[in-house]
Amino acid sequence: MPVGRLPAAFGLAFLGSFSVLLHRHLEFMPPFLARLQSSGPDPCPSPDLAALPILHDLQTCEELPSALPEFRTELCRAPTSCSAFTLRIARTESRACELALVSNLYAPSDETQWEAWMEAERGPDGFYLRVDGAQRFATERAVHEGSCAYRMDVVLQNPGRVYLTAAHYYEDYNAYNERNATWAENLDRPLFNQPIEFDVCDSSCPAYSPHLLNPARSTLAMDDASRLTSDLSSPPPDADLPACDGDDPIPGVYVPHHPLDALYPPVPYPAGHKVPVHGRYRFIPEGCRFRHAGLRFGDPSLCTERAERVLFIGDSHGRVAYDAMVHRLSGATDMMMKSEKVHDKNATLGALSLNFVWDPQINHAATTCTELATLLDEVDVFVVSAGAHWRSTAKFLADLTQFFDMITNCQLEAPPAQMIFLTTPAVAPRQDEYVQMHKDKRTSTRQGYLAGRSAELARTYGWKVVDQFALTEAHTVELMALDRAHYVATDAIDPIVDELIQKAGVCDGM
């Protein structure tokens, strides 16, 4: 290559690498690059491609019939971005908005940073949005743009027909108010009388369909030349993708199960109060696949051959994760239906030892370096679940920092090889007597903030993170047919266990 062209070639290579980096970290994409990228239609969405940024100024909006006269709703889409849309919600009466903005006399939090975020970014109203069909997606993340106007951005990663529902969940800043004198009252007022139905992209974009859950099952397919081929003789699905790995949370999407898994489940799928809660959606990791031996229908006996000890401490969500890991590595392929409420548990599977210690605020199991050394003696994998039992965000972050500091500063002679933090999961939209009597202020808006902050803190200290909030946010309504708290028998439990086993490393090399 002529010397004069080297700078240009280097520049093109740099821009290409930089654009890939920005594609993976969309919040950092400068507007000029977003405009360059929007010059043509976006590529077909796929679970293995990171979601592209939404360009609001390219969208056109269509008013939707609102079931609540005090709110105007619009669906906004851009012609170049068939997989993205924005639901806009705004109060219709200016006086009602003025009252809403000053509706609560209590400061939402005793932490200045969080209080400012809540008031500026979320506003007095809280909403819930859910998408079903070609992809399951749900969120309570509504951005307050001022004057009681809200924006809920959605970028889907699987083409096909979808059904949109939404509801007004909270008012008076109750979506994240820690200092209010009452519970976080959930209104659950539907914004639409019927689901809004539309297509994500056209038929030129193929929908992703996962392989059969049990790899021992197969189909006999007829190709275009009328030749029969068994999928058992074909390369494994997604074989060109790398194995999921790394210390950060593994992103992904929920797509419908393989049709045969839905029609003829490989194991009985449970239902709560005659409502389906499992077996409809499968989690697909973004750009990778779990390949360890501890998968359901894998060979988990390979994961229990080494003499290792796994210790869980924390709250009931950690207990569920412990029970689910024991259930999976014991070789069971059916769904775990319950997690017995016992404070301390232990199990031995082959040479692998697993223990759970109840410590919901991580302040009893170890408070000194001597106690910590005893607790972690001969522990190879240390798993901590925390975030569901604090009434104050500031106190939670301070306690968690103190806990991480203690483990770092005690300078253990043989610290666990793997240390994993489980974020607190999303919250069911409860309205029962329990949450009212206990003035429960846990909402998915609040717990999502705690999950994000605690994950960031854990990674700063070098811990691996399984983001239970991200994995459960799409399935909060299913909890209402179960115990209204834990994701034992939902479509969220498999990806939690898959990632936990991967990060624990008990199947590595097997």
Protein backbone atom coordinates (compact mmCIF):
# COMPACT_ATOMS: atom_id res chain seq x y z
CA MET A 1 0.00 0.00 0.00
CA PRO A 2 1.40 3.45 -0.89
CA VAL A 3 2.58 5.40 2.14
CA GLY A 4 0.19 8.24 1.34
CA ARG A 5 -2.81 5.97 1.83
CA LEU A 6 -1.76 4.61 5.21
CA PRO A 7 -3.38 7.42 7.27
CA ALA A 8 -6.64 6.99 5.42
CA ALA A 9 -6.60 3.23 5.85
CA PHE A 10 -5.75 3.58 9.53
CA GLY A 11 -8.58 6.09 9.94
CA LEU A 12 -11.12 3.78 8.31
CA ALA A 13 -10.00 0.89 10.49
CA PHE A 14 -10.20 3.04 13.59
CA LEU A 15 -13.68 4.30 12.74
CA GLY A 16 -14.83 0.75 12.05
CA SER A 17 -13.57 -0.50 15.40
CA PHE A 18 -14.92 2.59 17.16
CA SER A 19 -18.37 2.14 15.64
CA VAL A 20 -18.46 -1.51 16.76
CA LEU A 21 -17.54 -0.39 20.27
CA LEU A 22 -20.28 2.24 20.25
CA HIS A 23 -22.75 -0.30 18.93
CA ARG A 24 -22.11 -2.30 22.09
CA HIS A 25 -22.30 0.81 24.31
CA LEU A 26 -25.12 2.77 22.74
CA GLU A 27 -25.45 5.38 25.45
CA PHE A 28 -22.07 6.79 24.43
CA MET A 29 -22.85 7.14 20.71
CA PRO A 30 -22.44 10.77 19.58
CA PRO A 31 -25.41 12.20 17.65
CA PHE A 32 -23.39 12.67 14.44
CA LEU A 33 -22.52 8.95 14.35
CA ALA A 34 -26.13 8.04 15.04
CA ARG A 35 -27.18 10.23 12.08
CA LEU A 36 -24.62 8.53 9.82
CA GLN A 37 -25.92 5.17 10.90
CA SER A 38 -29.53 6.23 10.21
CA SER A 39 -28.87 7.05 6.53
CA GLY A 40 -30.32 3.68 5.55
CA PRO A 41 -32.64 1.15 7.16
CA ASP A 42 -31.35 -0.69 10.20
CA PRO A 43 -30.30 -4.33 9.73
CA CYS A 44 -32.85 -6.98 10.61
CA PRO A 45 -33.02 -7.41 14.38
CA SER A 46 -31.56 -10.51 15.96
CA PRO A 47 -31.04 -11.75 19.52
CA ASP A 48 -27.34 -11.82 18.68
CA LEU A 49 -27.08 -8.16 17.63
CA ALA A 50 -26.97 -5.38 20.21
CA ALA A 51 -29.95 -3.03 20.07
CA LEU A 52 -29.41 0.17 18.09
CA PRO A 53 -30.14 3.61 19.57
CA ILE A 54 -33.55 5.20 19.06
CA LEU A 55 -33.48 8.46 17.08
CA HIS A 56 -36.53 10.29 18.36
CA ASP A 57 -36.37 13.13 15.86
CA LEU A 58 -36.87 10.64 13.01
CA GLN A 59 -40.01 9.16 14.53
CA THR A 60 -43.60 9.89 13.58
CA CYS A 61 -46.28 9.39 16.21
CA GLU A 62 -49.81 8.03 16.05
CA GLU A 63 -52.27 8.65 18.86
CA LEU A 64 -53.61 5.52 20.53
CA PRO A 65 -57.05 5.29 22.13
CA SER A 66 -56.40 5.76 25.84
CA ALA A 67 -58.59 4.02 28.40
CA LEU A 68 -57.70 6.77 30.90
CA PRO A 69 -58.97 10.23 29.90
CA GLU A 70 -56.34 11.96 32.03
CA PHE A 71 -53.56 10.53 29.84
CA ARG A 72 -52.82 10.92 26.13
CA THR A 73 -50.88 8.03 24.57
CA GLU A 74 -48.92 7.85 21.31
CA LEU A 75 -46.94 5.14 19.54
CA CYS A 76 -43.91 6.57 17.73
CA ARG A 77 -41.80 4.76 15.13
CA ALA A 78 -39.15 5.63 12.54
CA PRO A 79 -39.30 4.21 8.99
CA THR A 80 -35.63 3.21 9.14
CA SER A 81 -35.90 1.41 12.51
CA CYS A 82 -38.50 -1.32 12.22
CA SER A 83 -37.58 -2.94 15.55
CA ALA A 84 -37.82 0.19 17.73
CA PHE A 85 -40.70 2.22 19.07
CA THR A 86 -41.48 4.76 21.74
CA LEU A 87 -44.63 4.87 23.82
CA ARG A 88 -45.35 8.46 24.83
CA ILE A 89 -47.68 9.19 27.72
CA ALA A 90 -48.71 12.65 28.89
CA ARG A 91 -51.22 14.12 31.29
CA THR A 92 -53.96 15.97 29.40
CA GLU A 93 -54.79 18.63 32.03
CA SER A 94 -52.15 21.20 32.95
CA ARG A 95 -53.70 21.83 36.38
CA ALA A 96 -53.64 18.10 37.18
CA CYS A 97 -50.00 18.05 36.16
CA GLU A 98 -49.16 20.99 38.42
CA LEU A 99 -50.77 19.19 41.34
CA ALA A 100 -49.00 15.93 40.50
CA LEU A 101 -45.60 17.61 40.46
CA VAL A 102 -46.07 18.80 44.05
CA SER A 103 -48.18 15.84 45.14
CA ASN A 104 -45.96 14.47 47.87
CA LEU A 105 -44.67 16.57 50.72
CA TYR A 106 -41.95 14.04 51.58
CA ALA A 107 -38.58 14.11 49.86
CA PRO A 108 -38.49 10.77 48.02
CA SER A 109 -35.18 9.74 49.55
CA ASP A 110 -32.59 10.74 52.12
CA GLU A 111 -29.88 10.33 49.49
CA THR A 112 -29.49 13.57 47.51
CA GLN A 113 -28.18 11.93 44.36
CA TRP A 114 -31.02 9.42 44.18
CA GLU A 115 -33.67 11.99 45.08
CA ALA A 116 -32.49 14.24 42.24
CA TRP A 117 -32.51 11.30 39.81
CA MET A 118 -36.03 10.31 40.81
CA GLU A 119 -37.51 13.76 40.54
CA ALA A 120 -35.73 14.73 37.32
CA GLU A 121 -35.72 11.43 35.43
CA ARG A 122 -38.88 9.66 36.58
CA GLY A 123 -41.46 12.25 37.62
CA PRO A 124 -44.58 11.78 39.79
CA ASP A 125 -46.18 8.98 37.72
CA GLY A 126 -44.99 5.41 37.23
CA PHE A 127 -45.96 3.17 34.32
CA TYR A 128 -45.62 -0.45 33.25
CA LEU A 129 -45.15 -1.64 29.66
CA ARG A 130 -45.16 -5.21 28.39
CA VAL A 131 -44.62 -6.73 24.94
CA ASP A 132 -45.70 -10.29 24.09
CA GLY A 133 -45.51 -12.32 20.92
CA ALA A 134 -42.27 -12.47 18.94
CA GLN A 135 -40.45 -11.34 22.09
CA ARG A 136 -41.30 -10.94 25.77
CA PHE A 137 -40.18 -7.58 27.10
CA ALA A 138 -41.39 -5.60 30.09
CA THR A 139 -40.24 -2.52 31.94
CA GLU A 140 -41.26 0.24 34.33
CA ARG A 141 -38.57 2.57 33.00
CA ALA A 142 -40.41 5.71 31.90
CA VAL A 143 -38.31 8.83 31.35
CA HIS A 144 -39.95 12.04 32.56
CA GLU A 145 -39.38 14.74 29.94
CA GLY A 146 -41.01 17.45 32.05
CA SER A 147 -44.57 18.76 32.40
CA CYS A 148 -45.89 15.25 33.14
CA ALA A 149 -44.84 13.92 29.72
CA TYR A 150 -43.18 10.50 29.73
CA ARG A 151 -41.27 8.38 27.24
CA MET A 152 -40.85 4.60 27.24
CA ASP A 153 -38.31 3.44 24.66
CA VAL A 154 -38.32 -0.15 23.38
CA VAL A 155 -35.91 -1.82 20.95
CA LEU A 156 -36.86 -5.42 20.19
CA GLN A 157 -34.43 -8.01 18.84
CA ASN A 158 -36.73 -10.53 17.18
CA PRO A 159 -39.01 -9.80 14.20
CA GLY A 160 -42.67 -10.79 14.13
CA ARG A 161 -46.10 -9.90 15.46
CA VAL A 162 -46.17 -8.34 18.94
CA TYR A 163 -48.84 -7.22 21.39
CA LEU A 164 -48.34 -4.15 23.54
CA THR A 165 -50.03 -3.53 26.88
CA ALA A 166 -49.35 -0.77 29.40
CA ALA A 167 -50.68 0.46 32.72
CA HIS A 168 -50.51 3.42 35.06
CA TYR A 169 -48.92 1.88 38.15
CA TYR A 170 -48.04 4.77 40.47
CA GLU A 171 -48.77 8.39 41.20
CA ASP A 172 -47.51 10.87 43.81
CA TYR A 173 -43.89 9.70 43.33
CA ASN A 174 -44.79 6.33 44.87
CA ALA A 175 -42.75 4.40 42.31
CA TYR A 176 -39.62 5.17 44.33
CA ASN A 177 -40.55 6.95 47.54
CA GLU A 178 -38.63 5.68 50.57
CA ARG A 179 -39.86 8.24 53.08
CA ASN A 180 -43.59 8.21 52.46
CA ALA A 181 -45.70 7.19 55.44
CA THR A 182 -47.63 4.50 53.53
CA TRP A 183 -46.97 1.64 51.12
CA ALA A 184 -46.10 2.16 47.46
CA GLU A 185 -49.70 1.88 46.29
CA ASN A 186 -49.92 0.10 42.94
CA LEU A 187 -52.90 1.40 40.93
CA ASP A 188 -52.60 -1.06 38.01
CA ARG A 189 -54.86 1.01 35.72
CA PRO A 190 -54.63 -0.26 32.10
CA LEU A 191 -53.87 2.44 29.54
CA PHE A 192 -55.56 0.48 26.73
CA ASN A 193 -58.81 -1.48 26.59
CA GLN A 194 -57.23 -3.99 24.20
CA PRO A 195 -53.63 -4.94 23.40
CA ILE A 196 -52.03 -2.89 20.64
CA GLU A 197 -51.04 -5.26 17.84
CA PHE A 198 -48.35 -4.55 15.24
CA ASP A 199 -45.43 -6.12 13.38
CA VAL A 200 -41.77 -5.76 14.24
CA CYS A 201 -40.24 -5.45 10.76
CA ASP A 202 -41.68 -7.10 7.65
CA SER A 203 -41.48 -10.66 6.35
CA SER A 204 -38.06 -10.04 4.79
CA CYS A 205 -36.59 -10.22 8.31
CA PRO A 206 -36.57 -13.83 9.53
CA ALA A 207 -37.66 -14.51 13.09
CA TYR A 208 -35.26 -16.34 15.37
CA SER A 209 -36.49 -19.70 16.64
CA PRO A 210 -34.48 -21.48 19.33
CA HIS A 211 -33.44 -25.10 18.98
CA LEU A 212 -35.26 -27.83 20.88
CA LEU A 213 -34.62 -27.62 24.61
CA ASN A 214 -33.61 -31.26 24.86
CA PRO A 215 -30.83 -31.87 22.31
CA ALA A 216 -31.72 -35.59 22.24
CA ARG A 217 -34.98 -34.71 20.50
CA SER A 218 -34.81 -34.11 16.78
CA THR A 219 -36.87 -33.43 13.69
CA LEU A 220 -36.65 -34.79 10.16
CA ALA A 221 -36.64 -31.79 7.84
CA MET A 222 -37.42 -31.66 4.13
CA ASP A 223 -35.32 -29.11 2.24
CA ASP A 224 -36.21 -27.26 -0.98
CA ALA A 225 -34.99 -30.18 -3.07
CA SER A 226 -37.38 -32.56 -1.26
CA ARG A 227 -34.51 -34.27 0.53
CA LEU A 228 -34.95 -35.41 4.10
CA THR A 229 -32.26 -34.44 6.61
CA SER A 230 -32.18 -35.05 10.33
CA ASP A 231 -31.18 -32.12 12.48
CA LEU A 232 -29.08 -34.55 14.51
CA SER A 233 -26.74 -34.86 11.52
CA SER A 234 -26.45 -31.10 11.16
CA PRO A 235 -24.01 -28.87 13.05
CA PRO A 236 -25.31 -27.83 16.48
CA PRO A 237 -27.49 -24.69 16.36
CA ASP A 238 -25.55 -21.47 16.78
CA ALA A 239 -22.33 -23.51 16.74
CA ASP A 240 -20.35 -20.58 15.35
CA LEU A 241 -21.10 -18.43 18.40
CA PRO A 242 -18.65 -18.38 21.32
CA ALA A 243 -19.44 -19.77 24.75
CA CYS A 244 -20.85 -17.19 27.16
CA ASP A 245 -18.10 -16.05 29.48
CA GLY A 246 -16.82 -13.10 31.46
CA ASP A 247 -17.43 -11.38 34.77
CA ASP A 248 -20.08 -8.86 33.63
CA PRO A 249 -23.79 -9.72 33.45
CA ILE A 250 -24.71 -11.55 30.25
CA PRO A 251 -27.39 -9.67 28.27
CA GLY A 252 -30.05 -11.38 26.18
CA VAL A 253 -33.70 -11.52 25.16
CA TYR A 254 -36.71 -13.75 25.72
CA VAL A 255 -38.15 -15.27 22.52
CA PRO A 256 -40.92 -17.87 22.12
CA HIS A 257 -39.96 -21.48 22.75
CA HIS A 258 -39.43 -23.85 19.85
CA PRO A 259 -42.97 -24.74 18.65
CA LEU A 260 -42.53 -28.40 19.58
CA ASP A 261 -41.35 -27.49 23.08
CA ALA A 262 -44.49 -25.39 23.45
CA LEU A 263 -46.81 -28.04 22.03
CA TYR A 264 -45.12 -31.09 23.57
CA PRO A 265 -43.06 -29.93 26.56
CA PRO A 266 -40.05 -32.11 27.39
CA VAL A 267 -41.02 -31.80 31.06
CA PRO A 268 -44.33 -30.86 32.72
CA TYR A 269 -44.70 -27.10 32.80
CA PRO A 270 -46.23 -25.75 36.01
CA ALA A 271 -49.15 -23.36 36.28
CA GLY A 272 -50.11 -21.15 39.22
CA HIS A 273 -53.83 -20.72 39.91
CA LYS A 274 -54.43 -22.28 36.46
CA VAL A 275 -52.37 -19.48 34.85
CA PRO A 276 -49.33 -20.48 32.71
CA VAL A 277 -46.14 -19.20 34.34
CA HIS A 278 -43.46 -21.20 32.53
CA GLY A 279 -42.71 -22.69 29.15
CA ARG A 280 -43.63 -19.81 26.88
CA TYR A 281 -40.36 -17.92 26.43
CA ARG A 282 -36.71 -18.96 26.22
CA PHE A 283 -33.80 -16.70 27.17
CA ILE A 284 -31.27 -16.27 24.34
CA PRO A 285 -27.92 -14.75 25.39
CA GLU A 286 -26.74 -11.96 23.12
CA GLY A 287 -23.94 -13.11 20.82
CA CYS A 288 -22.98 -16.23 22.77
CA ARG A 289 -24.43 -19.50 24.10
CA PHE A 290 -24.08 -21.33 27.39
CA ARG A 291 -22.19 -24.54 26.68
CA HIS A 292 -21.26 -25.93 30.11
CA ALA A 293 -22.25 -29.40 31.26
CA GLY A 294 -24.63 -28.02 33.88
CA LEU A 295 -27.36 -27.07 31.41
CA ARG A 296 -30.75 -28.66 31.75
CA PHE A 297 -30.54 -31.90 29.72
CA GLY A 298 -26.74 -31.65 30.00
CA ASP A 299 -24.50 -33.96 32.04
CA PRO A 300 -24.26 -32.22 35.43
CA SER A 301 -22.38 -35.18 36.94
CA LEU A 302 -19.32 -33.72 35.22
CA CYS A 303 -19.73 -30.60 37.39
CA THR A 304 -19.59 -32.49 40.68
CA GLU A 305 -16.38 -34.46 40.22
CA ARG A 306 -14.01 -31.92 41.80
CA ALA A 307 -13.87 -31.48 45.56
CA GLU A 308 -15.05 -27.87 45.79
CA ARG A 309 -17.21 -25.89 48.18
CA VAL A 310 -19.83 -23.32 47.12
CA LEU A 311 -21.16 -20.97 49.80
CA PHE A 312 -24.23 -18.75 49.39
CA ILE A 313 -25.13 -16.05 51.90
CA GLY A 314 -27.89 -13.46 51.75
CA ASP A 315 -31.63 -13.17 51.32
CA SER A 316 -34.42 -15.44 50.06
CA HIS A 317 -33.50 -14.75 46.44
CA GLY A 318 -30.07 -16.17 47.18
CA ARG A 319 -31.78 -19.16 48.80
CA VAL A 320 -33.82 -19.72 45.62
CA ALA A 321 -30.65 -19.50 43.51
CA TYR A 322 -28.96 -22.02 45.84
CA ASP A 323 -31.92 -24.43 45.64
CA ALA A 324 -32.11 -24.06 41.85
CA MET A 325 -28.39 -24.78 41.47
CA VAL A 326 -28.65 -27.86 43.70
CA HIS A 327 -31.73 -29.00 41.76
CA ARG A 328 -29.95 -28.58 38.42
CA LEU A 329 -26.64 -30.19 39.40
CA SER A 330 -28.44 -33.13 41.00
CA GLY A 331 -29.48 -34.11 37.47
CA ALA A 332 -33.13 -33.12 37.70
CA THR A 333 -34.59 -31.91 34.40
CA ASP A 334 -38.05 -31.00 35.71
CA MET A 335 -38.99 -27.59 37.10
CA MET A 336 -38.19 -26.83 40.72
CA MET A 337 -41.59 -25.95 42.16
CA LYS A 338 -40.66 -24.51 45.56
CA SER A 339 -37.81 -23.28 47.72
CA GLU A 340 -38.27 -24.35 51.33
CA LYS A 341 -38.00 -21.43 53.74
CA VAL A 342 -35.16 -22.76 55.88
CA HIS A 343 -32.51 -20.31 57.03
CA ASP A 344 -29.43 -22.52 56.61
CA LYS A 345 -29.07 -25.33 54.09
CA ASN A 346 -26.41 -27.72 52.85
CA ALA A 347 -26.11 -30.32 50.12
CA THR A 348 -23.46 -32.70 48.82
CA LEU A 349 -23.47 -33.70 45.16
CA GLY A 350 -20.61 -36.06 44.35
CA ALA A 351 -17.47 -34.25 45.50
CA LEU A 352 -19.20 -30.83 45.39
CA SER A 353 -20.43 -29.26 48.63
CA LEU A 354 -22.98 -26.44 48.64
CA ASN A 355 -24.17 -24.35 51.60
CA PHE A 356 -26.60 -21.51 52.16
CA VAL A 357 -26.46 -19.17 55.18
CA TRP A 358 -29.39 -16.83 55.84
CA ASP A 359 -28.06 -13.27 56.22
CA PRO A 360 -30.45 -10.91 54.39
CA GLN A 361 -28.55 -7.74 55.32
CA ILE A 362 -25.07 -9.35 55.16
CA ASN A 363 -24.32 -8.21 58.69
CA HIS A 364 -24.42 -11.41 60.77
CA ALA A 365 -22.46 -14.16 59.03
CA ALA A 366 -19.19 -12.27 59.47
CA THR A 367 -18.48 -8.94 61.15
CA THR A 368 -14.75 -9.33 61.86
CA CYS A 369 -11.77 -10.63 59.92
CA THR A 370 -11.60 -13.66 62.21
CA GLU A 371 -15.26 -14.51 61.58
CA LEU A 372 -14.78 -13.93 57.85
CA ALA A 373 -11.78 -16.25 57.72
CA THR A 374 -13.82 -18.94 59.47
CA LEU A 375 -16.82 -18.39 57.19
CA LEU A 376 -14.75 -18.62 54.00
CA ASP A 377 -12.40 -21.38 55.12
CA GLU A 378 -11.93 -23.79 52.19
CA VAL A 379 -14.66 -22.00 50.17
CA ASP A 380 -13.97 -22.02 46.44
CA VAL A 381 -17.06 -20.13 45.24
CA PHE A 382 -18.67 -17.37 47.31
CA VAL A 383 -22.13 -16.14 46.22
CA VAL A 384 -23.84 -13.14 47.83
CA SER A 385 -27.44 -12.03 47.24
CA ALA A 386 -28.50 -8.69 48.73
CA GLY A 387 -30.76 -5.70 48.11
CA ALA A 388 -34.29 -6.74 49.07
CA HIS A 389 -34.19 -5.91 52.80
CA TRP A 390 -33.15 -2.26 53.04
CA ARG A 391 -35.58 0.63 53.48
CA SER A 392 -32.92 3.19 52.56
CA THR A 393 -30.87 3.26 49.38
CA ALA A 394 -28.12 5.20 51.13
CA LYS A 395 -27.93 2.62 53.94
CA PHE A 396 -27.88 -0.27 51.46
CA LEU A 397 -25.00 1.18 49.46
CA ALA A 398 -23.07 2.04 52.63
CA ASP A 399 -23.54 -1.46 54.07
CA LEU A 400 -22.60 -3.11 50.79
CA THR A 401 -19.48 -0.97 50.48
CA GLN A 402 -18.51 -1.85 54.04
CA PHE A 403 -19.01 -5.55 53.26
CA PHE A 404 -16.84 -5.44 50.13
CA ASP A 405 -14.21 -3.40 52.00
CA MET A 406 -14.06 -5.97 54.79
CA ILE A 407 -13.40 -8.82 52.37
CA THR A 408 -10.71 -6.78 50.60
CA ASN A 409 -9.02 -5.41 53.72
CA CYS A 410 -8.98 -8.63 55.75
CA GLN A 411 -6.43 -10.04 53.29
CA LEU A 412 -7.48 -13.66 53.59
CA GLU A 413 -4.72 -16.21 53.06
CA ALA A 414 -6.83 -18.20 50.60
CA PRO A 415 -9.82 -16.15 49.41
CA PRO A 416 -12.46 -17.88 47.26
CA ALA A 417 -11.38 -18.25 43.64
CA GLN A 418 -14.79 -17.02 42.46
CA MET A 419 -16.84 -14.31 44.16
CA ILE A 420 -20.28 -13.67 42.62
CA PHE A 421 -22.84 -10.99 43.45
CA LEU A 422 -26.53 -11.53 42.65
CA THR A 423 -28.50 -8.31 42.20
CA THR A 424 -31.96 -8.00 43.67
CA PRO A 425 -34.69 -9.08 41.21
CA ALA A 426 -37.68 -7.18 39.83
CA VAL A 427 -40.82 -6.84 41.95
CA ALA A 428 -44.35 -8.13 41.42
CA PRO A 429 -47.17 -5.53 41.19
CA ARG A 430 -48.66 -6.43 44.56
CA GLN A 431 -51.75 -4.87 46.12
CA ASP A 432 -52.37 -7.35 48.95
CA GLU A 433 -52.68 -6.79 52.68
CA TYR A 434 -49.07 -7.82 53.37
CA VAL A 435 -47.46 -4.98 51.42
CA GLN A 436 -49.97 -2.50 52.84
CA MET A 437 -49.51 -3.62 56.44
CA HIS A 438 -45.70 -3.56 56.19
CA LYS A 439 -45.68 -0.27 54.23
CA ASP A 440 -43.61 -2.02 51.58
CA LYS A 441 -41.94 0.47 49.27
CA ARG A 442 -40.19 -2.03 47.02
CA THR A 443 -41.08 -1.41 43.38
CA SER A 444 -39.29 -2.42 40.20
CA THR A 445 -38.33 1.22 39.64
CA ARG A 446 -36.62 1.35 43.03
CA GLN A 447 -35.15 -2.15 42.98
CA GLY A 448 -33.88 -1.59 39.45
CA TYR A 449 -31.95 1.42 40.68
CA LEU A 450 -30.54 -0.61 43.59
CA ALA A 451 -29.60 -3.44 41.23
CA GLY A 452 -27.74 -1.09 38.90
CA ARG A 453 -25.85 0.68 41.64
CA SER A 454 -24.93 -2.54 43.48
CA ALA A 455 -23.79 -4.26 40.26
CA GLU A 456 -21.54 -1.31 39.48
CA LEU A 457 -20.14 -1.40 43.02
CA ALA A 458 -19.52 -5.16 42.92
CA ARG A 459 -17.65 -4.93 39.62
CA THR A 460 -15.51 -2.11 41.07
CA TYR A 461 -14.37 -4.55 43.76
CA GLY A 462 -13.64 -7.25 41.20
CA TRP A 463 -16.69 -9.43 41.81
CA LYS A 464 -18.56 -11.25 39.08
CA VAL A 465 -22.20 -10.20 38.70
CA VAL A 466 -25.38 -12.06 37.77
CA ASP A 467 -28.01 -9.39 37.13
CA GLN A 468 -31.15 -11.03 38.47
CA PHE A 469 -33.08 -7.81 37.94
CA ALA A 470 -32.40 -7.79 34.19
CA LEU A 471 -33.28 -11.48 33.92
CA THR A 472 -36.56 -11.16 35.85
CA GLU A 473 -37.92 -7.77 34.75
CA ALA A 474 -39.90 -9.35 31.91
CA HIS A 475 -41.72 -11.78 34.21
CA THR A 476 -43.11 -9.82 37.16
CA VAL A 477 -46.77 -10.52 36.27
CA GLU A 478 -46.16 -14.28 36.49
CA LEU A 479 -45.24 -13.87 40.17
CA MET A 480 -48.84 -12.92 40.93
CA ALA A 481 -49.83 -16.54 40.18
CA LEU A 482 -47.08 -17.85 42.47
CA ASP A 483 -45.87 -16.56 45.85
CA ARG A 484 -45.65 -12.94 44.54
CA ALA A 485 -41.96 -12.74 45.44
CA HIS A 486 -39.75 -15.47 43.97
CA TYR A 487 -39.05 -16.63 40.41
CA VAL A 488 -38.96 -20.34 41.26
CA ALA A 489 -41.15 -21.70 38.43
CA THR A 490 -40.93 -18.93 35.84
CA ASP A 491 -39.04 -18.62 32.55
CA ALA A 492 -36.45 -16.49 34.39
CA ILE A 493 -35.06 -19.25 36.61
CA ASP A 494 -33.17 -21.17 33.89
CA PRO A 495 -31.01 -18.24 32.69
CA ILE A 496 -30.23 -17.30 36.31
CA VAL A 497 -28.97 -20.82 37.03
CA ASP A 498 -27.21 -21.14 33.65
CA GLU A 499 -25.21 -17.95 34.27
CA LEU A 500 -24.57 -18.74 37.93
CA ILE A 501 -23.10 -22.15 37.07
CA GLN A 502 -21.00 -20.60 34.29
CA LYS A 503 -19.58 -17.93 36.59
CA ALA A 504 -19.01 -20.41 39.43
CA GLY A 505 -16.76 -22.41 37.13
CA VAL A 506 -17.68 -25.78 38.67
CA CYS A 507 -18.12 -27.27 35.19
CA ASP A 508 -14.96 -25.72 33.69
CA GLY A 509 -12.78 -28.22 31.89
CA MET A 510 -15.45 -30.89 32.04
